[in-house]
Amino acid sequence: MNVLVFNCGSSSLKYQLLNMGEEATLLAKGLVERIGLKEGVLTHKPEGKGKFELVQDIPNHSVGIDLVLKALVSPEHGVISDLKEIDAAGHRVAHGGEFFKDSALIDEKAKENIAACCELAPLHNPANLEGILSMEKLLPGLPQVAVFDTSFHQTLPAEAFMYGLPYDCYEKYRVRKYGFHGTSHKYVANKACEILGWNIEDKKIVSCHLGNGASVCAIDGGKSVETSMGFTPNEGLLMGTRTGNLDLGALLYIAEKKNLSIEETNKLINKQSGLAGISGISSDMRDLEIAAEGGNERAQLALDMFAYRVKRFVGSYSASMGGVDLVLFTGGIGENDSVSREKIIKDFGYLGLDFDAETNDGLRGKDAVISKEGSKVTAMVVTTNEELVIASDTQRILNGVK
């Protein structure tokens, strides 16, 4: 089965074409940028061939996806001879609300429910839905599957997902914790257990997806029971430009003092805060580590705050599950930044985690155990692949496998 995977943003879309044989094989991948702007760009990279780039006006997602389809069958840089060789499309959809507890075949009802979640994810769901509708128009009848960032977390109990607000805020406005990064947390937890030869249903796992956006997830018996992101991705950890957990009274105080509008307040907590706001330098961990080594105290503070908050969530989630068997690191920082990993877990001896600093040192982009042999709690670095998760779930849903 050849599955075309899309991750559509408001002005861009990423794609991969994968052959889902016994082992998944990447056939091509690429990126469409500047959708809706002049001089849009398609960058197409077929496996085993050179990169192809096209610059032209791309007024909407439908035009962008049409360029992708033409690139895939191009005699010069294509990887298939006919669009009929595409068996299905899988779409990353940011928000499934309480409608979707699993990935879903896209039909009229699914589209209605995705649209109903647009007010919960106004920056993402409309673009995700536009990608789905564009594929319907360009390849009528092609089976499509939606894979939701939120669905893995629909197993959270009410005591974990409810906020301490008047109950009608939940009943009328659907305000609750939804969580995100679900496809990544689910994938790395299952992958780690396969590597270790474990049955995930018997294990308690804390998964740390650390990147510019970051979240921690408690996984008990293969099910998400707690996660750090909430109603929006701003809750939880300190991130690249997001505040993470914040006293709401402080936010009201700042908004009043600075006379900020709702839009300006949203920009403050999502675009101007986090590592970038604390350091005044960058949201990139690499830049901060270089600056800290040079004696920049604010860069060091940002690094310390990030590690402290991850450490705090790992500890609290271990407590909420009554123990932990495995602590995972994934995402751009989790997979590649050995310094941050060490700062986070070097002091977890009280949990029975015997950290292997030598193995961890300099480890980048590889699956590896970073706890010592005989450690009661295992620590691992596990590389994530959200496109593969989407393709795998697409195949699973179309084959009728639950």
Protein backbone atom coordinates (compact mmCIF):
# COMPACT_ATOMS: atom_id res chain seq x y z
CA MET A 1 0.00 0.00 0.00
CA ASN A 2 1.33 3.45 -0.98
CA VAL A 3 0.20 6.10 1.50
CA LEU A 4 0.58 9.82 0.87
CA VAL A 5 0.93 11.60 4.21
CA PHE A 6 0.09 15.29 4.65
CA ASN A 7 0.77 17.73 7.48
CA CYS A 8 -0.93 20.95 6.39
CA GLY A 9 -0.29 24.26 8.08
CA SER A 10 -1.88 27.63 7.38
CA SER A 11 0.71 28.62 4.76
CA SER A 12 2.69 25.43 4.23
CA LEU A 13 2.34 21.68 3.90
CA LYS A 14 4.76 18.81 4.45
CA TYR A 15 4.29 15.49 2.71
CA GLN A 16 5.75 12.02 2.40
CA LEU A 17 4.89 9.11 0.12
CA LEU A 18 5.56 5.79 1.85
CA ASN A 19 5.25 2.23 0.65
CA MET A 20 3.81 0.27 3.57
CA GLY A 21 5.18 -3.18 2.77
CA GLU A 22 6.66 -5.55 5.35
CA GLU A 23 9.02 -2.69 6.10
CA ALA A 24 7.90 0.86 5.40
CA THR A 25 9.91 2.52 2.64
CA LEU A 26 10.09 6.25 2.00
CA LEU A 27 9.59 6.99 -1.70
CA ALA A 28 9.59 10.79 -1.61
CA LYS A 29 9.12 13.73 0.71
CA GLY A 30 8.85 17.45 0.41
CA LEU A 31 7.55 20.80 1.51
CA VAL A 32 5.27 23.44 -0.01
CA GLU A 33 5.84 26.88 1.47
CA ARG A 34 4.37 30.39 1.12
CA ILE A 35 0.87 29.16 0.27
CA GLY A 36 -1.33 32.20 -0.38
CA LEU A 37 1.70 34.42 -1.02
CA LYS A 38 3.59 35.39 -4.13
CA GLU A 39 6.44 33.13 -5.17
CA GLY A 40 5.40 30.00 -3.34
CA VAL A 41 7.99 27.21 -3.22
CA LEU A 42 7.73 23.46 -3.75
CA THR A 43 10.78 21.50 -2.58
CA HIS A 44 10.51 17.85 -3.65
CA LYS A 45 13.03 15.15 -2.70
CA PRO A 46 12.56 11.71 -4.26
CA GLU A 47 14.60 8.90 -2.73
CA GLY A 48 17.65 8.13 -4.85
CA LYS A 49 17.29 11.26 -6.98
CA GLY A 50 18.28 14.88 -6.72
CA LYS A 51 16.17 17.56 -5.06
CA PHE A 52 13.70 19.44 -7.25
CA GLU A 53 12.54 22.98 -6.52
CA LEU A 54 9.74 24.94 -8.16
CA VAL A 55 8.91 28.61 -7.52
CA GLN A 56 5.51 29.97 -8.56
CA ASP A 57 2.41 31.56 -7.07
CA ILE A 58 0.56 28.99 -4.93
CA PRO A 59 -2.72 30.68 -4.00
CA ASN A 60 -4.22 27.84 -1.92
CA HIS A 61 -3.68 24.31 -0.60
CA SER A 62 -5.43 22.74 -3.58
CA VAL A 63 -2.89 24.24 -5.98
CA GLY A 64 -0.06 23.20 -3.67
CA ILE A 65 -1.27 19.60 -3.44
CA ASP A 66 -1.77 19.50 -7.21
CA LEU A 67 1.90 20.47 -7.61
CA VAL A 68 2.86 17.67 -5.20
CA LEU A 69 0.88 15.11 -7.22
CA LYS A 70 2.46 16.28 -10.48
CA ALA A 71 5.92 16.05 -8.92
CA LEU A 72 5.26 12.48 -7.77
CA VAL A 73 4.46 11.30 -11.33
CA SER A 74 6.97 13.52 -13.16
CA PRO A 75 9.22 11.57 -15.60
CA GLU A 76 12.23 13.53 -14.32
CA HIS A 77 11.78 13.51 -10.54
CA GLY A 78 8.74 11.34 -9.87
CA VAL A 79 8.63 8.03 -8.02
CA ILE A 80 5.41 6.55 -9.41
CA SER A 81 4.15 6.36 -12.99
CA ASP A 82 0.44 6.97 -12.29
CA LEU A 83 -1.57 8.61 -9.51
CA LYS A 84 -3.59 5.38 -9.29
CA GLU A 85 -0.55 3.95 -7.53
CA ILE A 86 -1.47 6.07 -4.50
CA ASP A 87 -3.74 3.85 -2.41
CA ALA A 88 -4.66 6.25 0.39
CA ALA A 89 -3.95 9.59 1.99
CA GLY A 90 -3.26 10.09 5.69
CA HIS A 91 -3.66 13.52 7.27
CA ARG A 92 -2.29 14.88 10.50
CA VAL A 93 -5.18 16.71 12.20
CA ALA A 94 -4.32 18.79 15.24
CA HIS A 95 -7.56 18.54 17.20
CA GLY A 96 -10.21 15.85 17.42
CA GLY A 97 -11.92 17.17 20.54
CA GLU A 98 -13.97 14.51 22.29
CA PHE A 99 -15.25 13.22 18.94
CA PHE A 100 -12.27 11.04 18.08
CA LYS A 101 -10.72 8.48 20.41
CA ASP A 102 -8.73 6.94 17.54
CA SER A 103 -7.68 7.73 14.01
CA ALA A 104 -10.68 7.71 11.68
CA LEU A 105 -11.73 7.09 8.10
CA ILE A 106 -12.75 10.41 6.63
CA ASP A 107 -16.43 10.54 5.69
CA GLU A 108 -19.00 13.32 5.84
CA LYS A 109 -19.53 12.94 9.59
CA ALA A 110 -15.79 12.97 10.26
CA LYS A 111 -15.42 16.17 8.24
CA GLU A 112 -18.27 17.78 10.21
CA ASN A 113 -16.61 16.89 13.50
CA ILE A 114 -13.18 18.10 12.35
CA ALA A 115 -14.82 21.38 11.33
CA ALA A 116 -16.53 21.58 14.74
CA CYS A 117 -13.07 21.49 16.37
CA CYS A 118 -11.80 24.44 14.32
CA GLU A 119 -12.65 26.86 17.13
CA LEU A 120 -10.53 24.73 19.47
CA ALA A 121 -7.54 24.82 17.09
CA PRO A 122 -8.11 27.85 14.84
CA LEU A 123 -4.53 27.92 13.53
CA HIS A 124 -4.38 24.25 12.56
CA ASN A 125 -7.70 22.48 12.00
CA PRO A 126 -8.90 24.75 9.15
CA ALA A 127 -5.67 24.05 7.23
CA ASN A 128 -5.87 20.34 8.03
CA LEU A 129 -9.45 20.25 6.74
CA GLU A 130 -8.50 22.21 3.63
CA GLY A 131 -5.89 19.55 2.82
CA ILE A 132 -8.53 16.83 3.14
CA LEU A 133 -11.01 18.68 0.91
CA SER A 134 -8.29 19.43 -1.65
CA MET A 135 -7.43 15.75 -1.95
CA GLU A 136 -11.12 14.93 -2.37
CA LYS A 137 -11.25 17.36 -5.26
CA LEU A 138 -8.03 16.25 -6.93
CA LEU A 139 -8.34 12.48 -6.44
CA PRO A 140 -12.06 11.72 -5.98
CA GLY A 141 -12.76 8.42 -4.28
CA LEU A 142 -9.30 8.04 -2.74
CA PRO A 143 -9.63 6.68 0.83
CA GLN A 144 -8.45 9.21 3.42
CA VAL A 145 -7.72 8.82 7.12
CA ALA A 146 -7.34 11.49 9.80
CA VAL A 147 -4.78 10.95 12.57
CA PHE A 148 -5.29 13.27 15.53
CA ASP A 149 -2.73 14.79 17.89
CA THR A 150 -5.33 14.58 20.66
CA SER A 151 -6.91 11.12 20.26
CA PHE A 152 -4.25 9.18 22.22
CA HIS A 153 -5.06 11.32 25.26
CA GLN A 154 -8.80 10.58 25.22
CA THR A 155 -8.10 7.86 27.81
CA LEU A 156 -7.27 10.47 30.46
CA PRO A 157 -9.61 10.11 33.47
CA ALA A 158 -11.86 13.06 34.35
CA GLU A 159 -9.78 13.97 37.40
CA ALA A 160 -6.84 14.51 35.05
CA PHE A 161 -8.53 16.34 32.19
CA MET A 162 -10.93 18.63 34.06
CA TYR A 163 -9.99 22.17 35.15
CA GLY A 164 -11.09 23.84 38.37
CA LEU A 165 -13.51 26.12 36.53
CA PRO A 166 -17.31 26.32 36.79
CA TYR A 167 -18.60 23.07 35.28
CA ASP A 168 -20.55 24.89 32.56
CA CYS A 169 -17.21 25.96 31.02
CA TYR A 170 -16.77 22.29 30.15
CA GLU A 171 -20.39 21.63 29.22
CA LYS A 172 -20.91 24.74 27.07
CA TYR A 173 -17.44 25.56 25.75
CA ARG A 174 -15.62 22.17 25.87
CA VAL A 175 -12.83 23.62 28.03
CA ARG A 176 -10.74 20.70 29.35
CA LYS A 177 -7.28 19.23 28.91
CA TYR A 178 -6.92 17.60 25.49
CA GLY A 179 -3.16 17.14 25.19
CA PHE A 180 -1.08 17.06 22.02
CA HIS A 181 1.90 15.16 20.53
CA GLY A 182 -0.22 12.04 20.94
CA THR A 183 1.02 10.37 17.75
CA SER A 184 4.63 10.79 18.89
CA HIS A 185 4.07 9.61 22.48
CA LYS A 186 2.15 6.53 21.30
CA TYR A 187 4.75 5.66 18.66
CA VAL A 188 7.87 5.95 20.84
CA ALA A 189 6.30 4.06 23.75
CA ASN A 190 5.39 1.13 21.51
CA LYS A 191 8.72 1.27 19.69
CA ALA A 192 10.70 1.24 22.95
CA CYS A 193 8.80 -1.76 24.27
CA GLU A 194 9.42 -3.63 21.01
CA ILE A 195 13.15 -2.88 21.26
CA LEU A 196 13.25 -4.02 24.89
CA GLY A 197 11.06 -7.07 24.28
CA TRP A 198 8.46 -5.79 26.75
CA ASN A 199 4.68 -6.05 26.76
CA ILE A 200 3.52 -2.44 26.94
CA GLU A 201 0.35 -3.48 28.76
CA ASP A 202 2.49 -4.38 31.79
CA LYS A 203 4.56 -1.19 31.90
CA LYS A 204 4.42 2.33 33.31
CA ILE A 205 6.13 4.82 30.98
CA VAL A 206 6.92 8.53 31.12
CA SER A 207 7.48 9.87 27.61
CA CYS A 208 9.24 13.22 27.13
CA HIS A 209 8.73 14.76 23.68
CA LEU A 210 11.16 17.68 23.83
CA GLY A 211 11.49 20.16 21.00
CA ASN A 212 10.47 23.74 20.30
CA GLY A 213 7.09 22.45 21.41
CA ALA A 214 7.44 20.05 24.34
CA SER A 215 5.24 17.77 26.40
CA VAL A 216 5.43 14.91 28.87
CA CYS A 217 3.00 12.00 28.90
CA ALA A 218 2.27 9.30 31.50
CA ILE A 219 1.45 6.01 29.78
CA ASP A 220 0.10 3.20 31.96
CA GLY A 221 -0.54 -0.16 30.27
CA GLY A 222 -0.28 1.45 26.83
CA LYS A 223 -2.84 4.18 27.60
CA SER A 224 -2.28 7.87 28.17
CA VAL A 225 -3.37 8.73 31.71
CA GLU A 226 -1.83 12.21 32.06
CA THR A 227 -0.10 14.72 29.82
CA SER A 228 1.35 18.19 30.26
CA MET A 229 -0.20 20.09 27.35
CA GLY A 230 -3.79 21.08 28.01
CA PHE A 231 -6.66 22.90 26.32
CA THR A 232 -3.95 24.45 24.17
CA PRO A 233 -0.30 23.47 23.58
CA ASN A 234 0.77 26.36 25.82
CA GLU A 235 0.16 24.49 29.09
CA GLY A 236 2.86 22.42 30.75
CA LEU A 237 6.57 22.70 30.06
CA LEU A 238 8.60 25.82 29.34
CA MET A 239 9.11 25.71 25.55
CA GLY A 240 10.90 27.57 22.79
CA THR A 241 8.57 30.57 22.79
CA ARG A 242 5.69 29.40 25.05
CA THR A 243 5.40 30.11 28.77
CA GLY A 244 4.20 26.70 29.86
CA ASN A 245 2.44 26.67 33.25
CA LEU A 246 1.76 30.20 34.45
CA ASP A 247 -0.20 31.78 37.28
CA LEU A 248 -3.28 33.15 35.49
CA GLY A 249 -3.42 36.01 37.94
CA ALA A 250 0.04 37.07 36.79
CA LEU A 251 -1.12 37.02 33.18
CA LEU A 252 -4.13 39.22 34.00
CA TYR A 253 -1.83 41.58 35.91
CA ILE A 254 0.62 41.88 32.98
CA ALA A 255 -2.19 42.35 30.44
CA GLU A 256 -3.62 45.16 32.55
CA LYS A 257 -0.26 46.85 33.15
CA LYS A 258 0.71 46.68 29.47
CA ASN A 259 -2.84 47.36 28.25
CA LEU A 260 -2.70 44.29 26.04
CA SER A 261 -5.50 43.11 23.78
CA ILE A 262 -6.51 39.43 23.67
CA GLU A 263 -4.48 39.07 20.47
CA GLU A 264 -1.43 40.75 22.02
CA THR A 265 -1.73 38.62 25.16
CA ASN A 266 -1.89 35.47 23.04
CA LYS A 267 1.22 36.59 21.19
CA LEU A 268 3.00 37.25 24.49
CA ILE A 269 2.45 33.75 25.90
CA ASN A 270 2.92 31.82 22.65
CA LYS A 271 5.48 33.74 20.60
CA GLN A 272 7.53 35.94 22.95
CA SER A 273 8.05 33.82 26.05
CA GLY A 274 9.73 30.53 26.92
CA LEU A 275 13.43 30.00 26.29
CA ALA A 276 13.53 32.99 23.93
CA GLY A 277 11.81 35.30 26.41
CA ILE A 278 13.96 34.28 29.37
CA SER A 279 17.29 34.35 27.55
CA GLY A 280 16.64 37.26 25.22
CA ILE A 281 18.80 35.35 22.73
CA SER A 282 17.08 32.44 21.03
CA SER A 283 14.55 29.64 21.31
CA ASP A 284 17.17 27.18 20.01
CA MET A 285 18.80 25.05 22.69
CA ARG A 286 22.08 24.95 20.75
CA ASP A 287 22.37 28.75 20.76
CA LEU A 288 21.63 28.87 24.47
CA GLU A 289 24.22 26.23 25.37
CA ILE A 290 26.90 28.14 23.43
CA ALA A 291 25.90 31.39 25.14
CA ALA A 292 25.84 29.74 28.56
CA GLU A 293 29.31 28.32 28.03
CA GLY A 294 30.41 31.87 27.30
CA GLY A 295 29.08 33.03 30.65
CA ASN A 296 25.63 34.36 29.69
CA GLU A 297 23.62 34.04 32.90
CA ARG A 298 20.18 34.42 31.30
CA ALA A 299 20.95 31.67 28.80
CA GLN A 300 22.00 29.44 31.69
CA LEU A 301 18.84 30.33 33.58
CA ALA A 302 16.69 29.35 30.58
CA LEU A 303 18.47 25.98 30.33
CA ASP A 304 18.09 25.37 34.06
CA MET A 305 14.40 26.26 34.01
CA PHE A 306 13.73 23.93 31.09
CA ALA A 307 15.45 20.95 32.69
CA TYR A 308 13.90 21.62 36.10
CA ARG A 309 10.38 21.66 34.72
CA VAL A 310 10.83 18.44 32.73
CA LYS A 311 12.33 16.79 35.83
CA ARG A 312 9.35 17.94 37.88
CA PHE A 313 6.83 16.45 35.44
CA VAL A 314 8.71 13.15 35.21
CA GLY A 315 8.67 12.86 38.99
CA SER A 316 5.01 13.82 39.40
CA TYR A 317 3.86 11.47 36.63
CA SER A 318 5.82 8.62 38.18
CA ALA A 319 3.98 9.35 41.42
CA SER A 320 0.58 9.55 39.72
CA MET A 321 1.08 6.06 38.23
CA GLY A 322 2.48 4.59 41.44
CA GLY A 323 5.87 3.97 39.88
CA VAL A 324 7.68 3.99 36.55
CA ASP A 325 9.47 1.36 34.48
CA LEU A 326 10.72 3.48 31.59
CA VAL A 327 11.58 7.14 30.93
CA LEU A 328 11.76 8.06 27.23
CA PHE A 329 13.31 11.01 25.43
CA THR A 330 12.27 11.95 21.90
CA GLY A 331 11.84 15.04 19.70
CA GLY A 332 14.53 17.41 18.45
CA ILE A 333 15.95 18.15 21.91
CA GLY A 334 15.19 14.78 23.45
CA GLU A 335 16.91 12.86 20.66
CA ASN A 336 19.90 15.12 20.10
CA ASP A 337 20.78 17.11 23.24
CA SER A 338 22.74 14.91 25.63
CA VAL A 339 23.40 17.85 27.98
CA SER A 340 19.69 18.47 28.55
CA ARG A 341 18.98 14.77 29.02
CA GLU A 342 21.67 14.49 31.69
CA LYS A 343 20.42 17.57 33.54
CA ILE A 344 16.94 16.06 33.63
CA ILE A 345 17.55 12.48 34.79
CA LYS A 346 20.94 12.35 36.51
CA ASP A 347 19.29 12.75 39.95
CA PHE A 348 16.58 10.09 39.56
CA GLY A 349 18.50 7.54 41.62
CA TYR A 350 15.74 7.70 44.23
CA LEU A 351 13.40 6.17 41.64
CA GLY A 352 15.88 3.40 40.92
CA LEU A 353 17.19 4.94 37.69
CA ASP A 354 20.94 4.42 37.39
CA PHE A 355 21.93 6.88 34.65
CA ASP A 356 24.68 5.93 32.18
CA ALA A 357 26.42 9.25 31.52
CA GLU A 358 29.04 7.67 29.26
CA THR A 359 26.50 6.19 26.84
CA ASN A 360 24.43 9.36 26.89
CA ASP A 361 27.36 11.67 26.17
CA GLY A 362 27.17 12.93 22.58
CA LEU A 363 24.37 10.52 21.61
CA ARG A 364 22.36 12.03 18.76
CA GLY A 365 19.46 10.72 16.71
CA LYS A 366 19.78 7.05 17.67
CA ASP A 367 17.66 4.60 19.62
CA ALA A 368 19.64 3.71 22.73
CA VAL A 369 19.33 2.76 26.40
CA ILE A 370 20.98 5.43 28.57
CA SER A 371 20.59 3.70 31.94
CA LYS A 372 23.07 1.18 33.30
CA GLU A 373 22.54 -2.56 33.14
CA GLY A 374 20.62 -3.65 36.22
CA SER A 375 18.94 -0.26 36.68
CA LYS A 376 15.48 -0.72 38.21
CA VAL A 377 14.11 2.00 35.92
CA THR A 378 15.19 2.11 32.28
CA ALA A 379 15.94 5.35 30.42
CA MET A 380 15.99 5.47 26.62
CA VAL A 381 16.39 7.77 23.68
CA VAL A 382 13.86 6.80 21.00
CA THR A 383 13.66 8.48 17.59
CA THR A 384 10.14 9.48 16.60
CA ASN A 385 8.60 9.37 13.13
CA GLU A 386 5.18 10.98 13.09
CA GLU A 387 4.77 10.54 9.32
CA LEU A 388 5.27 6.80 9.72
CA VAL A 389 2.67 6.75 12.51
CA ILE A 390 0.17 8.47 10.23
CA ALA A 391 0.88 6.05 7.37
CA SER A 392 0.67 3.04 9.69
CA ASP A 393 -2.61 4.21 11.20
CA THR A 394 -3.99 4.87 7.72
CA GLN A 395 -3.17 1.32 6.73
CA ARG A 396 -4.61 -0.04 9.99
CA ILE A 397 -7.91 1.86 9.68
CA LEU A 398 -8.37 0.86 6.04
CA ASN A 399 -7.70 -2.76 6.89
CA GLY A 400 -10.34 -2.57 9.61
CA VAL A 401 -7.90 -3.34 12.42
CA LYS A 402 -8.66 -1.79 15.83
